[in-house]
Amino acid sequence: MRKLGVIPLAALAAAIALVASGCGADRSVEPAAKASSNRPSCPAAARAGWQRLANRIHAPVYCPAWMPDPFDGMIGGQWNTIDSVSPDRSYLIGFIWLEAGSGELHVNLRGYPGRTKIPTCTDVNTVNGVTRRGKISCFADPTGHRRVAGIDATVYTANQDADRWHVLYAWRHDGSLYTLSQHVAVPLTYRKVVADLDRMLRSLVLVRPS
């Protein structure tokens, strides 16, 4: 029987180290490559509008890389029916689709630069012909959280003004409050609206003022 050659200890150690380092490199590079390729970006057609908004309010804004069909996220586009900036630099960007007999699709994005407190809205109640006005939290009835891509959003289901009858996600970033909401209306169910909001939340891209 032929004797097996003896591999020098130093050579064996070097070979093991080489294989180990090669495997380690593969493991470390692959997730980074995947993360990079999966990272959302603000659509080219919509980017300019969100950049103008960020520059106008001198604060970051969130551009949705994905929105439910037929929305395209373009400020000033066909479906953008609300483009409002208040004197305090808070903004409301709304997208609405309506079709008689078919239903409604309505998505709002808000930002409150330099403010993290939930705003108050005017509450109007009429009892026995008497109208009373008071203050109420604009976003209420928190029901849970969504944590994705560095965002920890609280889910609110009792909201006011332009977000009435919406499910709303609110979160804070760098000293400012941001919200994303969608109307629960035919032909959409509550479950479908939440699925849309989850997908939009994952797609958000922070656009900083230039």
C-alpha atoms as a PDB file:
ATOM      1  CA  MET A   1       0.000   0.000   0.000  1.00  0.00           C
ATOM      2  CA  ARG A   2       1.332   3.449  -0.938  1.00  0.00           C
ATOM      3  CA  LYS A   3       1.812   5.774   1.987  1.00  0.00           C
ATOM      4  CA  LEU A   4      -0.021   9.091   1.934  1.00  0.00           C
ATOM      5  CA  GLY A   5       2.194  12.108   1.755  1.00  0.00           C
ATOM      6  CA  VAL A   6       2.508  14.183   4.878  1.00  0.00           C
ATOM      7  CA  ILE A   7       1.233  17.769   4.518  1.00  0.00           C
ATOM      8  CA  PRO A   8       3.378  20.222   6.432  1.00  0.00           C
ATOM      9  CA  LEU A   9       1.494  21.770   9.370  1.00  0.00           C
ATOM     10  CA  ALA A  10       2.195  25.324   8.219  1.00  0.00           C
ATOM     11  CA  ALA A  11       0.818  24.619   4.730  1.00  0.00           C
ATOM     12  CA  LEU A  12      -2.332  23.003   6.170  1.00  0.00           C
ATOM     13  CA  ALA A  13      -2.945  25.962   8.452  1.00  0.00           C
ATOM     14  CA  ALA A  14      -2.503  28.359   5.559  1.00  0.00           C
ATOM     15  CA  ALA A  15      -4.974  26.425   3.406  1.00  0.00           C
ATOM     16  CA  ILE A  16      -7.611  26.382   6.145  1.00  0.00           C
ATOM     17  CA  ALA A  17      -7.161  30.102   6.707  1.00  0.00           C
ATOM     18  CA  LEU A  18      -7.529  30.800   2.985  1.00  0.00           C
ATOM     19  CA  VAL A  19     -10.752  28.790   2.683  1.00  0.00           C
ATOM     20  CA  ALA A  20     -12.179  30.338   5.837  1.00  0.00           C
ATOM     21  CA  SER A  21     -11.390  33.853   4.708  1.00  0.00           C
ATOM     22  CA  GLY A  22     -12.914  33.187   1.273  1.00  0.00           C
ATOM     23  CA  CYS A  23     -16.161  31.882   2.769  1.00  0.00           C
ATOM     24  CA  GLY A  24     -16.313  34.742   5.213  1.00  0.00           C
ATOM     25  CA  ALA A  25     -15.917  37.261   2.417  1.00  0.00           C
ATOM     26  CA  ASP A  26     -18.766  35.697   0.448  1.00  0.00           C
ATOM     27  CA  ARG A  27     -21.081  35.838   3.447  1.00  0.00           C
ATOM     28  CA  SER A  28     -20.279  39.455   4.223  1.00  0.00           C
ATOM     29  CA  VAL A  29     -20.602  40.772   0.679  1.00  0.00           C
ATOM     30  CA  GLU A  30     -23.800  39.019  -0.414  1.00  0.00           C
ATOM     31  CA  PRO A  31     -26.229  40.631   2.092  1.00  0.00           C
ATOM     32  CA  ALA A  32     -24.781  44.072   1.374  1.00  0.00           C
ATOM     33  CA  ALA A  33     -25.263  43.552  -2.348  1.00  0.00           C
ATOM     34  CA  LYS A  34     -28.818  42.381  -1.803  1.00  0.00           C
ATOM     35  CA  ALA A  35     -29.602  45.304   0.496  1.00  0.00           C
ATOM     36  CA  SER A  36     -28.238  47.754  -2.053  1.00  0.00           C
ATOM     37  CA  SER A  37     -30.210  46.278  -4.943  1.00  0.00           C
ATOM     38  CA  ASN A  38     -33.436  46.210  -2.903  1.00  0.00           C
ATOM     39  CA  ARG A  39     -33.164  49.743  -1.556  1.00  0.00           C
ATOM     40  CA  PRO A  40     -36.082  51.884  -2.845  1.00  0.00           C
ATOM     41  CA  SER A  41     -35.467  55.151  -4.656  1.00  0.00           C
ATOM     42  CA  CYS A  42     -37.742  58.086  -5.392  1.00  0.00           C
ATOM     43  CA  PRO A  43     -39.093  57.616  -8.947  1.00  0.00           C
ATOM     44  CA  ALA A  44     -37.286  59.832 -11.451  1.00  0.00           C
ATOM     45  CA  ALA A  45     -40.527  61.457 -12.625  1.00  0.00           C
ATOM     46  CA  ALA A  46     -41.555  62.330  -9.051  1.00  0.00           C
ATOM     47  CA  ARG A  47     -38.172  63.255  -7.563  1.00  0.00           C
ATOM     48  CA  ALA A  48     -38.142  66.903  -8.692  1.00  0.00           C
ATOM     49  CA  GLY A  49     -41.490  67.649  -7.013  1.00  0.00           C
ATOM     50  CA  TRP A  50     -40.455  66.195  -3.661  1.00  0.00           C
ATOM     51  CA  GLN A  51     -37.110  67.970  -3.879  1.00  0.00           C
ATOM     52  CA  ARG A  52     -38.883  71.295  -4.460  1.00  0.00           C
ATOM     53  CA  LEU A  53     -41.091  70.615  -1.434  1.00  0.00           C
ATOM     54  CA  ALA A  54     -38.070  69.839   0.773  1.00  0.00           C
ATOM     55  CA  ASN A  55     -36.360  73.029  -0.416  1.00  0.00           C
ATOM     56  CA  ARG A  56     -39.528  75.065   0.140  1.00  0.00           C
ATOM     57  CA  ILE A  57     -39.958  74.012   3.783  1.00  0.00           C
ATOM     58  CA  HIS A  58     -36.219  73.691   4.510  1.00  0.00           C
ATOM     59  CA  ALA A  59     -36.711  70.219   5.953  1.00  0.00           C
ATOM     60  CA  PRO A  60     -36.600  66.563   4.805  1.00  0.00           C
ATOM     61  CA  VAL A  61     -39.698  65.007   3.210  1.00  0.00           C
ATOM     62  CA  TYR A  62     -40.621  61.413   2.407  1.00  0.00           C
ATOM     63  CA  CYS A  63     -41.122  60.424  -1.235  1.00  0.00           C
ATOM     64  CA  PRO A  64     -43.142  57.217  -1.782  1.00  0.00           C
ATOM     65  CA  ALA A  65     -41.321  54.903  -4.195  1.00  0.00           C
ATOM     66  CA  TRP A  66     -44.536  52.850  -4.432  1.00  0.00           C
ATOM     67  CA  MET A  67     -48.190  53.919  -4.351  1.00  0.00           C
ATOM     68  CA  PRO A  68     -51.401  52.028  -5.150  1.00  0.00           C
ATOM     69  CA  ASP A  69     -52.492  52.131  -8.788  1.00  0.00           C
ATOM     70  CA  PRO A  70     -53.120  54.571 -10.478  1.00  0.00           C
ATOM     71  CA  PHE A  71     -51.074  56.935  -8.280  1.00  0.00           C
ATOM     72  CA  ASP A  72     -47.565  57.833  -9.397  1.00  0.00           C
ATOM     73  CA  GLY A  73     -46.391  60.007  -6.472  1.00  0.00           C
ATOM     74  CA  MET A  74     -45.924  63.083  -8.673  1.00  0.00           C
ATOM     75  CA  ILE A  75     -46.612  66.394  -6.935  1.00  0.00           C
ATOM     76  CA  GLY A  76     -48.493  68.447  -9.509  1.00  0.00           C
ATOM     77  CA  GLY A  77     -49.444  65.331 -11.442  1.00  0.00           C
ATOM     78  CA  GLN A  78     -52.862  64.095 -12.511  1.00  0.00           C
ATOM     79  CA  TRP A  79     -53.773  62.501  -9.177  1.00  0.00           C
ATOM     80  CA  ASN A  80     -52.233  65.085  -6.816  1.00  0.00           C
ATOM     81  CA  THR A  81     -55.279  67.071  -5.688  1.00  0.00           C
ATOM     82  CA  ILE A  82     -53.848  68.575  -2.466  1.00  0.00           C
ATOM     83  CA  ASP A  83     -50.524  70.433  -2.378  1.00  0.00           C
ATOM     84  CA  SER A  84     -50.617  72.594   0.731  1.00  0.00           C
ATOM     85  CA  VAL A  85     -47.873  74.210   2.834  1.00  0.00           C
ATOM     86  CA  SER A  86     -48.857  76.213   5.934  1.00  0.00           C
ATOM     87  CA  PRO A  87     -47.033  79.247   7.355  1.00  0.00           C
ATOM     88  CA  ASP A  88     -45.478  76.976  10.020  1.00  0.00           C
ATOM     89  CA  ARG A  89     -43.954  74.885   7.150  1.00  0.00           C
ATOM     90  CA  SER A  90     -46.185  71.861   7.807  1.00  0.00           C
ATOM     91  CA  TYR A  91     -47.389  70.280   4.598  1.00  0.00           C
ATOM     92  CA  LEU A  92     -50.167  68.079   3.254  1.00  0.00           C
ATOM     93  CA  ILE A  93     -49.774  66.238  -0.049  1.00  0.00           C
ATOM     94  CA  GLY A  94     -52.882  64.326  -1.108  1.00  0.00           C
ATOM     95  CA  PHE A  95     -53.669  61.974  -3.989  1.00  0.00           C
ATOM     96  CA  ILE A  96     -57.286  61.168  -4.874  1.00  0.00           C
ATOM     97  CA  TRP A  97     -58.943  58.920  -7.467  1.00  0.00           C
ATOM     98  CA  LEU A  98     -62.739  58.929  -7.776  1.00  0.00           C
ATOM     99  CA  GLU A  99     -64.996  56.980 -10.092  1.00  0.00           C
ATOM    100  CA  ALA A 100     -68.772  57.133  -9.878  1.00  0.00           C
ATOM    101  CA  GLY A 101     -70.201  53.794  -8.872  1.00  0.00           C
ATOM    102  CA  SER A 102     -66.771  52.261  -8.331  1.00  0.00           C
ATOM    103  CA  GLY A 103     -65.385  53.991  -5.275  1.00  0.00           C
ATOM    104  CA  GLU A 104     -62.516  56.126  -4.060  1.00  0.00           C
ATOM    105  CA  LEU A 105     -58.783  55.936  -3.453  1.00  0.00           C
ATOM    106  CA  HIS A 106     -57.265  58.618  -1.235  1.00  0.00           C
ATOM    107  CA  VAL A 107     -53.724  58.800   0.194  1.00  0.00           C
ATOM    108  CA  ASN A 108     -52.240  61.650   2.284  1.00  0.00           C
ATOM    109  CA  LEU A 109     -48.645  62.383   3.268  1.00  0.00           C
ATOM    110  CA  ARG A 110     -47.948  65.012   5.934  1.00  0.00           C
ATOM    111  CA  GLY A 111     -44.957  66.552   7.648  1.00  0.00           C
ATOM    112  CA  TYR A 112     -44.577  68.901  10.620  1.00  0.00           C
ATOM    113  CA  PRO A 113     -41.003  70.295  10.563  1.00  0.00           C
ATOM    114  CA  GLY A 114     -39.599  71.046  14.021  1.00  0.00           C
ATOM    115  CA  ARG A 115     -42.659  69.574  15.781  1.00  0.00           C
ATOM    116  CA  THR A 116     -43.133  66.110  17.251  1.00  0.00           C
ATOM    117  CA  LYS A 117     -46.401  66.673  19.119  1.00  0.00           C
ATOM    118  CA  ILE A 118     -49.616  65.433  17.515  1.00  0.00           C
ATOM    119  CA  PRO A 119     -51.571  68.497  16.325  1.00  0.00           C
ATOM    120  CA  THR A 120     -55.053  69.414  17.509  1.00  0.00           C
ATOM    121  CA  CYS A 121     -58.115  69.791  15.300  1.00  0.00           C
ATOM    122  CA  THR A 122     -61.426  71.597  15.775  1.00  0.00           C
ATOM    123  CA  ASP A 123     -64.241  69.324  16.944  1.00  0.00           C
ATOM    124  CA  VAL A 124     -67.780  70.453  16.093  1.00  0.00           C
ATOM    125  CA  ASN A 125     -70.774  68.887  17.829  1.00  0.00           C
ATOM    126  CA  THR A 126     -74.440  69.876  17.491  1.00  0.00           C
ATOM    127  CA  VAL A 127     -76.783  68.757  20.281  1.00  0.00           C
ATOM    128  CA  ASN A 128     -80.452  69.879  20.375  1.00  0.00           C
ATOM    129  CA  GLY A 129     -79.700  72.575  17.842  1.00  0.00           C
ATOM    130  CA  VAL A 130     -76.773  73.944  19.820  1.00  0.00           C
ATOM    131  CA  THR A 131     -73.345  73.831  18.110  1.00  0.00           C
ATOM    132  CA  ARG A 132     -70.291  73.513  20.288  1.00  0.00           C
ATOM    133  CA  ARG A 133     -66.690  73.742  19.147  1.00  0.00           C
ATOM    134  CA  GLY A 134     -63.744  72.273  20.965  1.00  0.00           C
ATOM    135  CA  LYS A 135     -60.248  70.909  20.451  1.00  0.00           C
ATOM    136  CA  ILE A 136     -59.476  67.283  19.740  1.00  0.00           C
ATOM    137  CA  SER A 137     -56.352  65.328  18.842  1.00  0.00           C
ATOM    138  CA  CYS A 138     -56.058  65.074  15.049  1.00  0.00           C
ATOM    139  CA  PHE A 139     -54.806  61.470  15.332  1.00  0.00           C
ATOM    140  CA  ALA A 140     -56.277  59.157  17.970  1.00  0.00           C
ATOM    141  CA  ASP A 141     -57.024  55.564  18.955  1.00  0.00           C
ATOM    142  CA  PRO A 142     -53.519  54.044  18.561  1.00  0.00           C
ATOM    143  CA  THR A 143     -53.789  50.343  17.739  1.00  0.00           C
ATOM    144  CA  GLY A 144     -50.211  49.170  17.214  1.00  0.00           C
ATOM    145  CA  HIS A 145     -46.855  49.826  15.573  1.00  0.00           C
ATOM    146  CA  ARG A 146     -45.092  49.243  12.275  1.00  0.00           C
ATOM    147  CA  ARG A 147     -41.293  49.105  12.430  1.00  0.00           C
ATOM    148  CA  VAL A 148     -39.434  49.104   9.115  1.00  0.00           C
ATOM    149  CA  ALA A 149     -36.301  50.685   7.632  1.00  0.00           C
ATOM    150  CA  GLY A 150     -35.578  52.770  10.722  1.00  0.00           C
ATOM    151  CA  ILE A 151     -39.179  54.012  11.017  1.00  0.00           C
ATOM    152  CA  ASP A 152     -41.252  53.219  14.113  1.00  0.00           C
ATOM    153  CA  ALA A 153     -44.779  54.224  13.116  1.00  0.00           C
ATOM    154  CA  THR A 154     -47.815  54.237  15.401  1.00  0.00           C
ATOM    155  CA  VAL A 155     -51.090  53.162  13.767  1.00  0.00           C
ATOM    156  CA  TYR A 156     -54.076  55.477  14.420  1.00  0.00           C
ATOM    157  CA  THR A 157     -57.649  54.650  13.421  1.00  0.00           C
ATOM    158  CA  ALA A 158     -59.641  57.699  14.636  1.00  0.00           C
ATOM    159  CA  ASN A 159     -58.440  60.728  12.702  1.00  0.00           C
ATOM    160  CA  GLN A 160     -59.756  64.159  11.751  1.00  0.00           C
ATOM    161  CA  ASP A 161     -59.941  66.668   8.896  1.00  0.00           C
ATOM    162  CA  ALA A 162     -58.393  65.403   5.629  1.00  0.00           C
ATOM    163  CA  ASP A 163     -57.517  62.111   7.372  1.00  0.00           C
ATOM    164  CA  ARG A 164     -61.053  61.347   8.568  1.00  0.00           C
ATOM    165  CA  TRP A 165     -62.024  57.702   7.913  1.00  0.00           C
ATOM    166  CA  HIS A 166     -58.364  56.970   7.171  1.00  0.00           C
ATOM    167  CA  VAL A 167     -55.954  54.530   8.758  1.00  0.00           C
ATOM    168  CA  LEU A 168     -52.938  56.686   9.596  1.00  0.00           C
ATOM    169  CA  TYR A 169     -49.296  55.865  10.376  1.00  0.00           C
ATOM    170  CA  ALA A 170     -47.352  58.534  12.322  1.00  0.00           C
ATOM    171  CA  TRP A 171     -43.657  58.567  13.195  1.00  0.00           C
ATOM    172  CA  ARG A 172     -40.925  60.969  14.264  1.00  0.00           C
ATOM    173  CA  HIS A 173     -37.630  61.667  12.528  1.00  0.00           C
ATOM    174  CA  ASP A 174     -34.956  64.157  13.550  1.00  0.00           C
ATOM    175  CA  GLY A 175     -37.292  66.315  15.625  1.00  0.00           C
ATOM    176  CA  SER A 176     -40.222  66.301  13.176  1.00  0.00           C
ATOM    177  CA  LEU A 177     -43.525  64.422  12.904  1.00  0.00           C
ATOM    178  CA  TYR A 178     -44.543  62.679   9.665  1.00  0.00           C
ATOM    179  CA  THR A 179     -47.713  60.812   8.692  1.00  0.00           C
ATOM    180  CA  LEU A 180     -48.994  58.552   5.934  1.00  0.00           C
ATOM    181  CA  SER A 181     -52.701  57.707   5.658  1.00  0.00           C
ATOM    182  CA  GLN A 182     -55.208  56.025   3.368  1.00  0.00           C
ATOM    183  CA  HIS A 183     -59.004  56.192   3.255  1.00  0.00           C
ATOM    184  CA  VAL A 184     -60.955  53.026   4.047  1.00  0.00           C
ATOM    185  CA  ALA A 185     -63.620  53.209   1.335  1.00  0.00           C
ATOM    186  CA  VAL A 186     -65.179  51.046  -1.375  1.00  0.00           C
ATOM    187  CA  PRO A 187     -63.720  49.146  -3.177  1.00  0.00           C
ATOM    188  CA  LEU A 188     -61.046  48.764  -0.464  1.00  0.00           C
ATOM    189  CA  THR A 189     -61.329  46.817   2.776  1.00  0.00           C
ATOM    190  CA  TYR A 190     -59.550  47.703   6.008  1.00  0.00           C
ATOM    191  CA  ARG A 191     -57.158  44.794   5.441  1.00  0.00           C
ATOM    192  CA  LYS A 192     -56.320  46.001   1.919  1.00  0.00           C
ATOM    193  CA  VAL A 193     -55.702  49.561   3.139  1.00  0.00           C
ATOM    194  CA  VAL A 194     -53.316  48.320   5.831  1.00  0.00           C
ATOM    195  CA  ALA A 195     -51.484  46.194   3.249  1.00  0.00           C
ATOM    196  CA  ASP A 196     -51.129  49.262   1.006  1.00  0.00           C
ATOM    197  CA  LEU A 197     -49.873  51.391   3.897  1.00  0.00           C
ATOM    198  CA  ASP A 198     -47.339  48.736   4.903  1.00  0.00           C
ATOM    199  CA  ARG A 199     -45.977  48.615   1.367  1.00  0.00           C
ATOM    200  CA  MET A 200     -45.855  52.404   1.042  1.00  0.00           C
ATOM    201  CA  LEU A 201     -44.097  52.688   4.405  1.00  0.00           C
ATOM    202  CA  ARG A 202     -41.401  50.250   3.262  1.00  0.00           C
ATOM    203  CA  SER A 203     -40.947  52.251   0.058  1.00  0.00           C
ATOM    204  CA  LEU A 204     -40.476  55.708   1.618  1.00  0.00           C
ATOM    205  CA  VAL A 205     -37.323  57.570   0.593  1.00  0.00           C
ATOM    206  CA  LEU A 206     -36.061  60.535   2.619  1.00  0.00           C
ATOM    207  CA  VAL A 207     -35.415  63.573   0.408  1.00  0.00           C
ATOM    208  CA  ARG A 208     -33.334  66.277   2.087  1.00  0.00           C
ATOM    209  CA  PRO A 209     -33.333  69.954   1.094  1.00  0.00           C
ATOM    210  CA  SER A 210     -30.525  70.871  -1.280  1.00  0.00           C
END
